[in-house]
């Protein structure tokens, strides 16, 4: 497999910039950008932030997803994640193509993930036969939960994935969030008391 692209290169290409343009906007040299992207030179954290800002991007914390490798006498090896993850738009709704050899065909197999029926068909295939890289790059957790009950999966895989699906939905029982701390900030600005609503205990 090819070396993983650096975040600088990913952000630059997503913004449609050349190395020269990114360097000019970030106040550095094109040769430095080239060295960073080829990993011949390591930028400081401040330099990375400046380059990403010039490309209208920012660093984000993304949890690492571990997969447990399982074996089944009938279906062979399959993977079970420790938790669900998200795939950003538009990738989660993109067209996916897989080498036709895997389907005993000369032509690549293509799915349009913006079409629910095709997304279901692809999710069924990749969960049973796919690699961790394939799943992490194309299976969105929220979209998966929406169609989970309609997926035609081997029972052993459905049983081992079910706790992961349940854990993702368990957040509904948490205390209400104040998105971006907006209500707390606004209350302070206008001089009113901010009293967050607490989660009510369920009655038995």
Protein backbone atom coordinates (compact mmCIF):
# COMPACT_ATOMS: atom_id res chain seq x y z
CA UNK A 1 0.00 0.00 0.00
CA UNK A 2 1.10 3.59 -0.64
CA UNK A 3 2.32 5.66 2.34
CA UNK A 4 -0.46 7.48 4.17
CA UNK A 5 -0.81 11.08 3.06
CA UNK A 6 0.11 13.73 5.61
CA UNK A 7 -2.65 15.92 7.02
CA UNK A 8 -1.01 18.87 5.30
CA UNK A 9 -1.34 17.23 1.88
CA UNK A 10 -4.90 16.09 2.57
CA UNK A 11 -5.96 19.59 3.66
CA UNK A 12 -4.15 21.24 0.73
CA UNK A 13 -5.75 19.02 -1.89
CA UNK A 14 -9.19 19.31 -0.28
CA UNK A 15 -8.83 23.10 -0.62
CA UNK A 16 -7.74 22.75 -4.25
CA UNK A 17 -4.38 24.44 -3.61
CA UNK A 18 -0.96 23.81 -5.10
CA UNK A 19 2.05 23.58 -2.81
CA UNK A 20 3.13 27.02 -4.00
CA UNK A 21 -0.27 28.56 -3.20
CA UNK A 22 -0.41 27.00 0.27
CA UNK A 23 3.12 28.14 1.03
CA UNK A 24 2.35 31.70 -0.11
CA UNK A 25 -0.82 31.93 1.98
CA UNK A 26 0.89 30.44 5.04
CA UNK A 27 3.97 32.63 4.74
CA UNK A 28 6.49 29.87 4.10
CA UNK A 29 8.44 28.31 1.24
CA UNK A 30 7.07 25.83 -1.32
CA UNK A 31 10.13 23.66 -0.71
CA UNK A 32 9.20 23.41 2.98
CA UNK A 33 5.66 22.30 2.14
CA UNK A 34 7.09 19.67 -0.20
CA UNK A 35 9.43 18.38 2.52
CA UNK A 36 6.59 18.20 5.04
CA UNK A 37 4.34 16.29 2.66
CA UNK A 38 7.08 13.82 1.70
CA UNK A 39 8.01 13.38 5.38
CA UNK A 40 11.61 14.47 4.73
CA UNK A 41 11.14 17.16 7.35
CA UNK A 42 8.88 17.36 10.41
CA UNK A 43 7.02 20.63 11.01
CA UNK A 44 6.36 22.02 14.47
CA UNK A 45 2.80 21.94 15.79
CA UNK A 46 2.53 25.71 15.24
CA UNK A 47 3.59 25.33 11.61
CA UNK A 48 1.03 22.57 11.05
CA UNK A 49 -1.71 24.78 12.48
CA UNK A 50 -0.66 27.69 10.26
CA UNK A 51 -0.62 25.54 7.13
CA UNK A 52 -4.00 24.02 7.91
CA UNK A 53 -5.50 27.42 8.63
CA UNK A 54 -4.25 28.62 5.23
CA UNK A 55 -6.08 25.65 3.71
CA UNK A 56 -9.29 26.47 5.67
CA UNK A 57 -8.89 23.36 7.83
CA UNK A 58 -8.19 22.57 11.46
CA UNK A 59 -6.90 19.69 13.55
CA UNK A 60 -9.52 17.48 15.16
CA UNK A 61 -9.26 14.71 17.75
CA UNK A 62 -10.38 11.42 16.27
CA UNK A 63 -10.52 8.26 18.41
CA UNK A 64 -8.61 5.21 17.20
CA UNK A 65 -10.96 2.30 16.50
CA UNK A 66 -9.67 -1.16 17.42
CA UNK A 67 -11.09 -4.28 15.78
CA UNK A 68 -11.30 -7.77 17.25
CA UNK A 69 -10.56 -10.55 14.75
CA UNK A 70 -13.01 -13.44 15.06
CA UNK A 71 -13.23 -16.83 13.37
CA UNK A 72 -16.31 -18.77 12.36
CA UNK A 73 -16.44 -22.28 10.91
CA UNK A 74 -18.85 -21.25 8.14
CA UNK A 75 -17.93 -17.68 7.15
CA UNK A 76 -14.27 -17.71 8.16
CA UNK A 77 -12.58 -14.60 9.57
CA UNK A 78 -14.54 -11.44 10.33
CA UNK A 79 -13.99 -8.22 12.26
CA UNK A 80 -15.83 -6.63 15.18
CA UNK A 81 -15.12 -2.98 16.14
CA UNK A 82 -14.92 -1.77 19.72
CA UNK A 83 -17.17 1.19 18.84
CA UNK A 84 -18.80 2.91 15.89
CA UNK A 85 -17.22 5.84 14.05
CA UNK A 86 -18.21 8.55 11.61
CA UNK A 87 -17.28 9.14 7.98
CA UNK A 88 -17.48 12.82 6.99
CA UNK A 89 -19.60 14.10 4.12
CA UNK A 90 -19.45 13.75 1.20
CA UNK A 91 -17.43 10.53 1.60
CA UNK A 92 -20.21 8.73 3.49
CA UNK A 93 -22.48 9.28 0.45
CA UNK A 94 -19.86 8.75 -2.27
CA UNK A 95 -19.63 6.06 -4.91
CA UNK A 96 -17.53 3.06 -3.87
CA UNK A 97 -15.73 0.69 -6.19
CA UNK A 98 -14.10 -2.62 -5.27
CA UNK A 99 -11.87 -4.85 -7.38
CA UNK A 100 -14.03 -7.17 -9.47
CA UNK A 101 -11.73 -10.11 -8.68
CA UNK A 102 -13.38 -10.32 -5.27
CA UNK A 103 -16.68 -11.06 -7.04
CA UNK A 104 -15.24 -13.28 -9.80
CA UNK A 105 -15.75 -10.48 -12.29
CA UNK A 106 -13.46 -8.54 -14.61
CA UNK A 107 -15.19 -5.25 -13.91
CA UNK A 108 -15.05 -3.40 -10.57
CA UNK A 109 -18.12 -3.61 -8.35
CA UNK A 110 -19.62 -0.16 -7.76
CA UNK A 111 -22.11 1.04 -5.14
CA UNK A 112 -23.65 4.51 -4.79
CA UNK A 113 -23.81 5.16 -1.03
CA UNK A 114 -26.23 8.06 -1.57
CA UNK A 115 -28.83 5.44 -2.55
CA UNK A 116 -30.05 3.65 0.58
CA UNK A 117 -30.61 0.27 -1.10
CA UNK A 118 -27.08 0.28 -2.50
CA UNK A 119 -25.68 1.46 0.82
CA UNK A 120 -27.38 -1.46 2.56
CA UNK A 121 -25.97 -3.88 -0.03
CA UNK A 122 -22.46 -2.47 0.39
CA UNK A 123 -22.64 -2.45 4.20
CA UNK A 124 -23.69 -6.11 4.14
CA UNK A 125 -20.69 -7.00 2.00
CA UNK A 126 -18.03 -4.93 3.76
CA UNK A 127 -19.06 -5.99 7.27
CA UNK A 128 -18.72 -9.65 6.31
CA UNK A 129 -15.78 -9.50 3.88
CA UNK A 130 -14.11 -6.11 4.22
CA UNK A 131 -10.90 -4.97 5.90
CA UNK A 132 -10.58 -2.45 8.73
CA UNK A 133 -9.38 0.18 6.25
CA UNK A 134 -12.39 -0.35 3.99
CA UNK A 135 -14.86 -0.10 6.85
CA UNK A 136 -13.28 2.93 8.51
CA UNK A 137 -13.18 4.82 5.21
CA UNK A 138 -16.72 4.07 4.03
CA UNK A 139 -19.11 2.88 6.77
CA UNK A 140 -20.67 5.72 8.74
CA UNK A 141 -21.90 4.80 12.22
CA UNK A 142 -25.09 6.85 12.15
CA UNK A 143 -26.05 5.64 8.68
CA UNK A 144 -25.29 2.08 9.78
CA UNK A 145 -27.57 2.38 12.81
CA UNK A 146 -30.40 3.65 10.60
CA UNK A 147 -30.37 0.51 8.46
CA UNK A 148 -29.02 -2.02 10.97
CA UNK A 149 -32.26 -3.98 11.36
CA UNK A 150 -32.59 -4.32 7.58
CA UNK A 151 -29.10 -5.70 6.97
CA UNK A 152 -28.95 -9.33 5.90
CA UNK A 153 -26.01 -10.53 7.98
CA UNK A 154 -24.88 -13.93 9.28
CA UNK A 155 -26.34 -14.40 12.75
CA UNK A 156 -22.92 -14.75 14.37
CA UNK A 157 -21.85 -11.35 13.03
CA UNK A 158 -25.12 -9.69 14.00
CA UNK A 159 -24.77 -11.03 17.56
CA UNK A 160 -21.18 -9.83 17.97
CA UNK A 161 -21.87 -6.39 16.46
CA UNK A 162 -25.12 -5.83 18.40
CA UNK A 163 -23.47 -4.65 21.66
CA UNK A 164 -21.53 -2.08 19.61
CA UNK A 165 -24.77 -0.81 18.05
CA UNK A 166 -26.48 -0.74 21.47
CA UNK A 167 -23.58 1.16 23.04
CA UNK A 168 -23.77 3.83 20.33
CA UNK A 169 -27.46 4.37 21.05
CA UNK A 170 -26.98 4.43 24.84
CA UNK A 171 -26.07 8.13 24.71
CA UNK A 172 -29.78 8.94 24.53
CA UNK A 173 -29.93 8.29 28.28
CA UNK A 174 -27.29 10.92 29.10
CA UNK A 175 -27.83 14.42 30.43
CA UNK A 176 -28.79 17.01 27.78
CA UNK A 177 -25.78 18.78 26.21
CA UNK A 178 -25.28 22.49 25.73
CA UNK A 179 -23.89 22.43 22.15
CA UNK A 180 -20.66 24.47 21.95
CA UNK A 181 -21.53 25.93 25.37
CA UNK A 182 -23.80 28.40 23.56
CA UNK A 183 -26.58 28.69 26.17
CA UNK A 184 -24.09 29.10 29.03
CA UNK A 185 -22.29 31.83 27.06
CA UNK A 186 -25.53 33.62 26.14
CA UNK A 187 -26.82 33.49 29.71
CA UNK A 188 -23.61 35.14 30.90
CA UNK A 189 -23.79 37.80 28.17
CA UNK A 190 -27.36 38.84 29.00
CA UNK A 191 -26.96 38.46 32.76
CA UNK A 192 -29.32 35.58 33.49
CA UNK A 193 -28.69 32.41 35.45
CA UNK A 194 -27.96 29.29 33.44
CA UNK A 195 -29.47 26.19 35.02
CA UNK A 196 -28.83 23.10 32.86
CA UNK A 197 -31.58 20.50 32.92
CA UNK A 198 -30.43 17.34 34.66
CA UNK A 199 -31.29 13.87 33.50
CA UNK A 200 -34.33 12.59 35.32
CA UNK A 201 -34.15 9.23 36.99
CA UNK A 202 -36.43 6.68 35.48
CA UNK A 203 -39.31 5.51 37.60
CA UNK A 204 -39.54 1.79 38.15
